[in-house]
Structures are given as structure tokens and as C-alpha cells.
Protein backbone atom coordinates (compact mmCIF):
# COMPACT_ATOMS: atom_id res chain seq x y z
CA UNK A 1 -37.42 -84.51 32.44
CA UNK A 2 -38.09 -81.45 34.37
CA UNK A 3 -40.32 -78.50 33.25
CA UNK A 4 -38.56 -75.53 32.04
CA UNK A 5 -38.92 -72.23 34.56
CA UNK A 6 -42.30 -70.34 34.10
CA UNK A 7 -40.64 -67.41 32.49
CA UNK A 8 -38.80 -69.78 30.29
CA UNK A 9 -42.09 -71.47 29.11
CA UNK A 10 -43.81 -67.95 28.65
CA UNK A 11 -40.64 -67.09 26.63
CA UNK A 12 -40.89 -70.17 24.22
CA UNK A 13 -44.92 -69.81 24.12
CA UNK A 14 -44.88 -66.01 23.00
CA UNK A 15 -42.20 -66.97 20.24
CA UNK A 16 -44.49 -69.97 19.10
CA UNK A 17 -46.87 -67.49 18.45
CA UNK A 18 -44.92 -63.91 17.35
CA UNK A 19 -41.72 -65.22 16.48
CA UNK A 20 -40.28 -63.60 13.06
CA UNK A 21 -40.94 -65.31 9.95
CA UNK A 22 -37.41 -65.47 8.54
CA UNK A 23 -36.11 -67.18 5.21
CA UNK A 24 -33.39 -69.28 7.19
CA UNK A 25 -35.67 -70.41 9.77
CA UNK A 26 -37.40 -73.83 9.15
CA UNK A 27 -38.95 -76.77 11.12
CA UNK A 28 -35.28 -78.63 10.38
CA UNK A 29 -32.81 -75.00 9.66
CA UNK A 30 -29.89 -76.12 7.26
CA UNK A 31 -26.74 -75.43 9.10
CA UNK A 32 -25.15 -73.87 5.91
CA UNK A 33 -27.92 -71.39 5.71
CA UNK A 34 -28.30 -70.68 9.45
CA UNK A 35 -24.50 -70.00 9.07
CA UNK A 36 -24.32 -67.38 6.37
CA UNK A 37 -27.23 -65.73 8.03
CA UNK A 38 -25.51 -65.65 11.31
CA UNK A 39 -22.43 -64.03 9.76
CA UNK A 40 -24.86 -61.14 7.22
CA UNK A 41 -26.42 -60.62 10.14
CA UNK A 42 -23.39 -59.53 12.30
CA UNK A 43 -23.64 -55.27 12.70
CA UNK A 44 -26.42 -55.18 9.95
CA UNK A 45 -30.53 -55.38 10.13
CA UNK A 46 -32.55 -57.82 9.66
CA UNK A 47 -34.61 -55.92 7.02
CA UNK A 48 -31.43 -55.38 5.18
CA UNK A 49 -30.08 -58.88 5.24
CA UNK A 50 -32.99 -60.72 3.96
CA UNK A 51 -32.58 -59.90 0.41
CA UNK A 52 -29.29 -60.53 -0.13
CA UNK A 53 -29.87 -63.69 1.80
CA UNK A 54 -32.00 -64.67 -0.88
CA UNK A 55 -29.78 -63.81 -3.79
CA UNK A 56 -26.85 -65.32 -1.83
CA UNK A 57 -28.96 -68.91 -1.44
CA UNK A 58 -29.82 -68.79 -5.00
CA UNK A 59 -26.33 -68.16 -6.22
CA UNK A 60 -24.16 -70.62 -3.58
CA UNK A 61 -27.10 -72.71 -2.30
CA UNK A 62 -24.85 -75.16 -0.82
CA UNK A 63 -21.40 -75.09 1.02
CA UNK A 64 -19.69 -76.70 -1.99
CA UNK A 65 -21.24 -74.04 -4.63
CA UNK A 66 -19.34 -71.62 -2.34
CA UNK A 67 -16.30 -72.76 -2.07
CA UNK A 68 -15.76 -72.82 -5.58
CA UNK A 69 -16.84 -69.78 -6.29
CA UNK A 70 -14.47 -66.70 -7.34
CA UNK A 71 -13.37 -64.15 -4.70
CA UNK A 72 -14.76 -61.28 -6.78
CA UNK A 73 -18.18 -62.81 -7.28
CA UNK A 74 -18.37 -63.31 -3.69
CA UNK A 75 -17.68 -59.76 -3.36
CA UNK A 76 -19.91 -58.55 -5.64
CA UNK A 77 -22.62 -60.54 -4.41
CA UNK A 78 -21.93 -58.78 -0.84
CA UNK A 79 -21.88 -55.37 -2.34
CA UNK A 80 -23.82 -52.80 -0.13
CA UNK A 81 -23.61 -55.15 3.24
CA UNK A 82 -20.54 -53.76 4.45
CA UNK A 83 -17.58 -55.26 6.85
CA UNK A 84 -16.04 -57.22 3.33
CA UNK A 85 -13.86 -59.41 5.70
CA UNK A 86 -16.84 -61.62 6.49
CA UNK A 87 -17.20 -62.50 2.86
CA UNK A 88 -14.07 -63.47 2.35
CA UNK A 89 -14.21 -65.39 5.98
CA UNK A 90 -16.88 -66.87 4.68
CA UNK A 91 -15.63 -68.18 1.77
CA UNK A 92 -12.49 -68.95 3.11
CA UNK A 93 -14.46 -71.13 5.71
CA UNK A 94 -16.60 -72.87 3.26
CA UNK A 95 -13.60 -74.21 1.35
CA UNK A 96 -12.04 -75.43 4.59
CA UNK A 97 -15.32 -76.99 5.54
CA UNK A 98 -15.43 -79.04 2.15
CA UNK A 99 -11.64 -80.01 2.99
CA UNK A 100 -11.64 -81.05 6.10
CA UNK A 101 -15.26 -82.28 6.81
CA UNK A 102 -16.45 -83.13 3.24
CA UNK A 103 -18.88 -80.63 3.24
CA UNK A 104 -21.09 -81.10 6.38
CA UNK A 105 -20.99 -77.91 8.34
CA UNK A 106 -19.56 -79.08 11.97
CA UNK A 107 -21.92 -79.55 15.14
CA UNK A 108 -19.37 -79.02 17.50
CA UNK A 109 -18.99 -75.27 18.56
CA UNK A 110 -15.49 -75.66 19.38
CA UNK A 111 -14.90 -76.92 15.95
CA UNK A 112 -17.15 -74.20 14.72
CA UNK A 113 -14.77 -71.61 15.84
CA UNK A 114 -12.10 -73.03 14.59
CA UNK A 115 -13.14 -71.85 11.17
CA UNK A 116 -12.33 -68.40 9.61
CA UNK A 117 -14.95 -65.66 10.66
CA UNK A 118 -16.43 -67.70 13.54
CA UNK A 119 -16.24 -66.71 17.14
CA UNK A 120 -18.13 -67.97 20.43
CA UNK A 121 -21.34 -66.77 19.56
CA UNK A 122 -22.05 -67.57 15.96
CA UNK A 123 -20.51 -71.08 16.98
CA UNK A 124 -23.21 -71.15 19.71
CA UNK A 125 -25.85 -69.68 16.83
CA UNK A 126 -25.33 -72.17 14.42
CA UNK A 127 -24.87 -75.30 17.07
CA UNK A 128 -28.27 -74.43 18.89
CA UNK A 129 -30.56 -73.40 16.07
CA UNK A 130 -29.34 -76.16 13.47
CA UNK A 131 -28.08 -78.93 15.25
CA UNK A 132 -30.26 -78.49 19.06
CA UNK A 133 -27.00 -78.49 21.23
CA UNK A 134 -27.27 -76.72 24.41
CA UNK A 135 -25.36 -73.32 23.69
CA UNK A 136 -26.19 -69.97 24.61
CA UNK A 137 -25.85 -67.29 21.84
CA UNK A 138 -25.11 -64.02 23.54
CA UNK A 139 -25.65 -61.62 20.87
CA UNK A 140 -27.07 -57.89 21.20
CA UNK A 141 -30.30 -58.56 22.08
CA UNK A 142 -29.82 -61.17 24.33
CA UNK A 143 -27.69 -59.25 26.20
CA UNK A 144 -29.79 -56.43 26.46
CA UNK A 145 -32.90 -58.66 27.43
CA UNK A 146 -30.76 -60.53 29.99
CA UNK A 147 -29.40 -57.38 31.45
CA UNK A 148 -33.14 -55.99 32.34
CA UNK A 149 -34.65 -59.34 33.20
CA UNK A 150 -31.74 -60.04 35.76
CA UNK A 151 -30.96 -56.51 36.83
CA UNK A 152 -27.40 -57.00 35.87
CA UNK A 153 -25.23 -53.76 36.66
CA UNK A 154 -22.46 -54.83 34.88
CA UNK A 155 -21.54 -53.41 31.16
CA UNK A 156 -22.87 -55.50 28.88
CA UNK A 157 -19.80 -54.81 26.27
CA UNK A 158 -17.41 -56.17 28.61
CA UNK A 159 -15.90 -60.05 29.33
CA UNK A 160 -17.01 -60.05 32.97
CA UNK A 161 -20.54 -58.62 31.71
CA UNK A 162 -21.23 -61.70 29.29
CA UNK A 163 -19.49 -63.96 31.70
CA UNK A 164 -22.07 -62.56 34.42
CA UNK A 165 -25.19 -62.56 31.90
CA UNK A 166 -24.29 -66.25 30.46
CA UNK A 167 -23.67 -67.51 34.34
CA UNK A 168 -27.26 -66.44 34.74
CA UNK A 169 -28.91 -67.48 31.66
CA UNK A 170 -26.85 -70.96 31.37
CA UNK A 171 -29.34 -74.08 31.02
CA UNK A 172 -32.08 -72.08 31.77
CA UNK A 173 -33.58 -73.76 28.01
CA UNK A 174 -35.08 -77.49 28.25
CA UNK A 175 -32.70 -80.27 27.18
CA UNK A 176 -32.11 -79.50 22.81
CA UNK A 177 -34.26 -76.18 23.26
CA UNK A 178 -31.14 -73.83 23.21
CA UNK A 179 -31.73 -72.91 19.57
CA UNK A 180 -35.47 -72.04 20.36
CA UNK A 181 -34.39 -70.09 23.31
CA UNK A 182 -31.54 -68.16 21.89
CA UNK A 183 -34.06 -67.27 18.76
CA UNK A 184 -36.90 -66.16 21.24
CA UNK A 185 -34.75 -63.80 23.14
CA UNK A 186 -33.38 -62.53 19.71
CA UNK A 187 -36.76 -61.94 18.49
CA UNK A 188 -37.61 -60.66 22.16
CA UNK A 189 -35.19 -57.84 21.76
CA UNK A 190 -35.86 -56.94 18.37
CA UNK A 191 -39.54 -56.68 18.51
CA UNK A 192 -40.51 -55.67 22.53
CA UNK A 193 -37.29 -55.54 24.62
CA UNK A 194 -35.84 -52.80 22.30
CA UNK A 195 -33.04 -50.36 23.12
CA UNK A 196 -35.09 -47.27 23.28
CA UNK A 197 -38.88 -47.12 24.04
CA UNK A 198 -39.50 -50.78 25.23
CA UNK A 199 -42.75 -52.06 24.86
CA UNK A 200 -43.08 -53.81 28.54
CA UNK A 201 -46.54 -53.90 28.25
CA UNK A 202 -46.40 -56.77 25.51
CA UNK A 203 -43.45 -58.29 27.15
CA UNK A 204 -44.08 -61.87 28.23
CA UNK A 205 -41.16 -62.13 30.67
CA UNK A 206 -42.91 -58.55 32.66
CA UNK A 207 -43.86 -60.57 35.62
CA UNK A 208 -40.18 -62.03 36.27
CA UNK A 209 -38.48 -58.97 34.83
CA UNK A 210 -36.25 -57.06 37.86
CA UNK A 211 -35.59 -54.15 35.95
CA UNK A 212 -39.43 -53.80 34.91
CA UNK A 213 -40.33 -54.34 38.99
CA UNK A 214 -37.64 -51.78 40.03
CA UNK A 215 -38.49 -49.03 37.32
CA UNK A 216 -34.83 -49.60 36.15
CA UNK A 217 -35.72 -50.46 32.46
CA UNK A 218 -34.39 -47.46 30.88
CA UNK A 219 -31.07 -47.39 33.07
CA UNK A 220 -30.56 -50.83 31.67
CA UNK A 221 -28.32 -52.34 29.80
CA UNK A 222 -25.03 -50.78 30.87
CA UNK A 223 -22.31 -49.88 28.57
CA UNK A 224 -18.99 -48.53 28.80
CA UNK A 225 -18.24 -44.61 27.55
CA UNK A 226 -17.73 -44.56 24.12
CA UNK A 227 -14.47 -42.73 22.55
CA UNK A 228 -15.05 -40.05 20.08
CA UNK A 229 -15.67 -41.30 16.41
CA UNK A 230 -12.89 -39.90 14.12
CA UNK A 231 -13.55 -37.83 11.12
CA UNK A 232 -11.16 -38.56 8.17
CA UNK A 233 -10.79 -36.27 4.67
CA UNK A 234 -10.11 -38.40 2.03
CA UNK A 235 -9.28 -37.83 -1.51
CA UNK A 236 -10.05 -39.83 -4.59
CA UNK A 237 -8.85 -39.38 -8.34
CA UNK A 238 -10.80 -40.22 -11.32
CA UNK A 239 -8.65 -40.68 -14.36
CA UNK A 240 -10.52 -41.28 -17.87
CA UNK A 241 -8.46 -42.68 -21.14
CA UNK A 242 -11.21 -42.83 -23.75
CA UNK A 243 -14.16 -44.84 -22.70
CA UNK A 244 -12.13 -46.31 -19.62
CA UNK A 245 -11.31 -45.08 -15.90
CA UNK A 246 -8.41 -46.17 -13.92
CA UNK A 247 -9.42 -48.58 -10.82
CA UNK A 248 -7.13 -50.16 -8.11
CA UNK A 249 -7.79 -52.84 -6.06
CA UNK A 250 -7.04 -52.80 -2.64
CA UNK A 251 -5.10 -55.81 -0.95
CA UNK A 252 -6.82 -58.64 0.46
CA UNK A 253 -5.13 -57.86 4.13
CA UNK A 254 -6.48 -54.33 4.29
CA UNK A 255 -9.74 -53.01 4.58
CA UNK A 256 -12.27 -53.54 2.01
CA UNK A 257 -9.48 -56.12 0.98
CA UNK A 258 -10.14 -57.27 -2.65
CA UNK A 259 -12.39 -54.30 -3.59
CA UNK A 260 -12.10 -52.04 -6.48
CA UNK A 261 -11.86 -48.27 -5.69
CA UNK A 262 -10.80 -44.93 -7.37
CA UNK A 263 -7.08 -44.24 -6.17
CA UNK A 264 -6.61 -42.10 -3.45
CA UNK A 265 -6.09 -41.97 0.06
CA UNK A 266 -6.07 -39.22 3.30
CA UNK A 267 -5.22 -35.76 3.41
CA UNK A 268 -2.91 -35.17 5.66
CA UNK A 269 -2.27 -32.08 7.90
CA UNK A 270 -0.99 -29.15 5.87
CA UNK A 271 -1.85 -30.65 2.28
CA UNK A 272 -4.82 -29.38 -0.04
CA UNK A 273 -6.77 -31.52 -1.72
CA UNK A 274 -4.64 -31.71 -5.51
CA UNK A 275 -1.37 -31.87 -2.84
CA UNK A 276 -2.96 -35.11 -1.02
CA UNK A 277 -3.94 -36.39 -4.71
CA UNK A 278 -0.47 -36.20 -6.43
CA UNK A 279 1.45 -37.70 -3.35
CA UNK A 280 -0.94 -40.72 -2.87
CA UNK A 281 -0.46 -41.62 -6.88
CA UNK A 282 2.88 -41.33 -6.43
CA UNK A 283 3.01 -43.90 -3.46
CA UNK A 284 0.41 -46.07 -4.43
CA UNK A 285 0.94 -46.23 -8.40
CA UNK A 286 4.51 -44.45 -8.66
CA UNK A 287 3.16 -41.74 -11.20
CA UNK A 288 2.49 -38.22 -11.34
CA UNK A 289 -0.98 -36.84 -11.43
CA UNK A 290 -2.45 -33.85 -12.48
CA UNK A 291 -5.52 -33.08 -10.50
CA UNK A 292 -8.35 -31.41 -12.40
CA UNK A 293 -11.75 -30.22 -11.06
CA UNK A 294 -14.06 -31.69 -8.04
CA UNK A 295 -16.31 -34.19 -9.49
CA UNK A 296 -18.33 -34.55 -5.90
CA UNK A 297 -18.26 -34.91 -2.06
CA UNK A 298 -19.45 -38.37 -0.60
CA UNK A 299 -19.58 -38.85 2.97
CA UNK A 300 -19.58 -42.30 4.66
CA UNK A 301 -19.75 -43.41 8.29
CA UNK A 302 -17.53 -47.03 9.27
CA UNK A 303 -17.89 -48.85 12.52
CA UNK A 304 -15.27 -46.96 13.86
CA UNK A 305 -14.70 -43.53 12.09
CA UNK A 306 -15.98 -41.27 9.31
CA UNK A 307 -15.09 -39.88 6.10
CA UNK A 308 -15.79 -37.13 3.54
CA UNK A 309 -14.27 -37.81 0.25
CA UNK A 310 -13.79 -35.53 -2.59
CA UNK A 311 -13.55 -36.98 -6.01
CA UNK A 312 -11.22 -35.30 -8.11
CA UNK A 313 -10.98 -35.53 -12.11
CA UNK A 314 -7.36 -36.52 -13.00
CA UNK A 315 -6.35 -34.47 -16.00
CA UNK A 316 -3.13 -35.99 -16.93
CA UNK A 317 -1.35 -39.09 -16.34
CA UNK A 318 2.59 -39.10 -16.73
CA UNK A 319 4.00 -42.97 -16.53
CA UNK A 320 1.76 -46.04 -16.61
CA UNK A 321 0.54 -47.00 -13.39
CA UNK A 322 1.30 -49.90 -11.47
CA UNK A 323 0.54 -51.36 -8.51
CA UNK A 324 2.74 -50.54 -5.91
CA UNK A 325 0.76 -50.34 -2.98
CA UNK A 326 -2.76 -52.05 -4.49
CA UNK A 327 -2.98 -55.45 -5.47
CA UNK A 328 -3.74 -54.58 -9.27
CA UNK A 329 -4.25 -51.77 -11.39
CA UNK A 330 -6.53 -51.93 -14.28
CA UNK A 331 -8.07 -49.24 -16.92
CA UNK A 332 -11.99 -50.52 -17.03
CA UNK A 333 -14.74 -49.38 -19.34
CA UNK A 334 -17.22 -46.95 -17.66
CA UNK A 335 -19.95 -49.40 -18.88
CA UNK A 336 -18.25 -52.20 -17.05
CA UNK A 337 -18.22 -50.53 -13.48
CA UNK A 338 -21.19 -52.79 -12.77
CA UNK A 339 -19.17 -55.80 -12.46
CA UNK A 340 -15.94 -54.72 -10.53
CA UNK A 341 -17.10 -54.92 -6.57
CA UNK A 342 -16.69 -51.32 -4.66
CA UNK A 343 -17.25 -50.30 -1.59
CA UNK A 344 -20.30 -47.77 -0.94
CA UNK A 345 -18.62 -44.69 -1.89
CA UNK A 346 -16.34 -46.04 -4.90
CA UNK A 347 -19.92 -47.12 -6.14
CA UNK A 348 -21.58 -43.95 -5.79
CA UNK A 349 -18.50 -42.33 -8.02
CA UNK A 350 -18.76 -44.87 -10.49
CA UNK A 351 -22.54 -44.38 -10.92
CA UNK A 352 -22.12 -40.75 -11.31
CA UNK A 353 -19.79 -41.75 -13.90
CA UNK A 354 -22.09 -44.07 -15.87
CA UNK A 355 -25.15 -41.76 -15.42
CA UNK A 356 -22.99 -39.10 -17.28
CA UNK A 357 -22.08 -40.87 -19.59
């Protein structure tokens, strides 16, 4: 067996000394734990994921335990991580793994990629880290490190740029050690070769790095220009009936599917907040609502847009709400709101209601 290239050996030596001690990393990683961690880490920082991962594994320690779970419990445990489709797909994939593979997470990247929520990157990460398969897991950290290392000018967030990086790095690792290679580059990108102010003086790849040699570290990687992030004004209604408050459950196929919310929606051009709330409640619930004073203003940024949400009290509801556009509607005791999974903005409203009660 041939020795790895000097830069690869330097990288692996650095990883052995400086690699992060993360709860899903072991001498013999559990494929299920690796899978859960990779899904949680999509578009989420490691320090945010760690406590969620520990709670998740305490509650669902195996694929079979997850496969038997109720979706509402899964969403509630996921609450705060965002991108809730990941949780629903993880549950669906766990049930498929039990049904098709007897509860054993597949080792073949092609089979992994057929499961809900697992794309090429996640399949490569699971296969390489958990099973030692030779596969390159080209995440954001790897794209940045490799673009600087090889001096790649093609934007790394394009298919062409990712193909170029994969071709340059493919097979660089020693046979059976792609998992260590991938994790070493992930950690190097997170700890040293950071997007801003990279610590080149501490980098084990500095002697071979083309961007460093040419003084172009700050210029790479290149990315496509981003479109302006749109902003929406949103209104939600808080209707009380005794000690209960009205919630609607979002349809499974929509954003934040399966979560519960205070009913409402976008304010259309030419509408004020009260008019928008009355229209939304007629369309979604089939009732006439009489808006009252504003209870609070809440702001939140999603991946592709931002919102400013105005929560209005609802003084009267004429008729009995029906789920015309929601999966369900329910009058919920304020004291029990914590047991209903919600997005961040609706959870903030719920906490405000609970504190005032």
C-alpha cells in the first residue's frame, strides 16, 4: 500500500492531535449516530447541535426507537433547530430502514442516498465515517479548504465548482481512511481555515496551499452573487376561550409542516394588519374574527426570507373554526402550550402568554 501524499499525512496528523471531541465521534462510530448528527448539522452550527444530539440519543438511542416514535414528539424534540423537514424526513427514513434493511443503516452511499432526506453529501459522510467507505463528503468546510488549497477559481456553490473540487481531491486519502480525511478537513475548516480571518500560521497545509503561496486566501473560495433576501410582514391572531387559546397545525407538505401556530399569514399590499387577519381567518378557518390590540412584534430570519410578525389579540370569533387550509385546529389550555411543537416565533408568543397567565 502506497503512502499518502505529504499534505494528506500532515492533515491526518493534525487531526489526530487537534480534532474536535464531538459526541458522535468514537473509535467505531455508530452509523445511526453519525446519520443523526449529519442531518442535525445541515445549516446548523456544531455548538447548537451538541445538546440537541445528546437529548435525541437519550430519547431515540436506536433506529428502531426512532421508527416507533410519534411525529409530534419528534418535532417537539427538534424544536429550535429549524428546518423541520429534516426531522420529518429522518423519521420517515428510520421507518424505511427498519422495513427494508431490518434496522441496519446501509453502508452503500447509493443505497443511503435513496432514503428520505439523505443527499450525496450526507450519504458520503455516513458511508465514510461509519463504514470506512472511500467517499468524499463535500460540505461547506471542505469546499472552502479545498478551493484555497488547490487555488480553484470556479464558484464552489455551483455544480461545476463542486465537480472540480471532487476531481482534485478524489482518492487523495489512504484506502479506508476517507472518514478521517473528511472529518479532518471539516475540523480544519471550522477551526483554522475559517471564512474570515483564517489562521494560516497554524495550518498544517500551509506549505502546499496555493492560495497562501499566491496571497489569495482572502479571495477564495469564490461564490455566486446572492439575491436580495425578501422581507414579509405577517400577522397572527391570538384568540382566547376561557383558559384555552386557538392553535392551527400546519399542513405536512408546507414549510414548518406538522408544527402548531397562532393562525394568520402574510399581509397583502393595500391591507392593514386587521384587514389581513380577518381575511386569513376567513380563508383558513372559515370564521369572522374581530381583531383587537397588538400583543407584540416578533422578527425572524429564515434561510430565504425574513419576517416581521405582528401578534394581534382576537376579541371575538364568529363561528367555530374549521381546518380549511390547516391540518387541524384545536383549543389548547395555555398551561399545555409547551407540549405542542412550534416554530421560534410562535413559541415566543406562547411563552409570552404563559408568563402573563
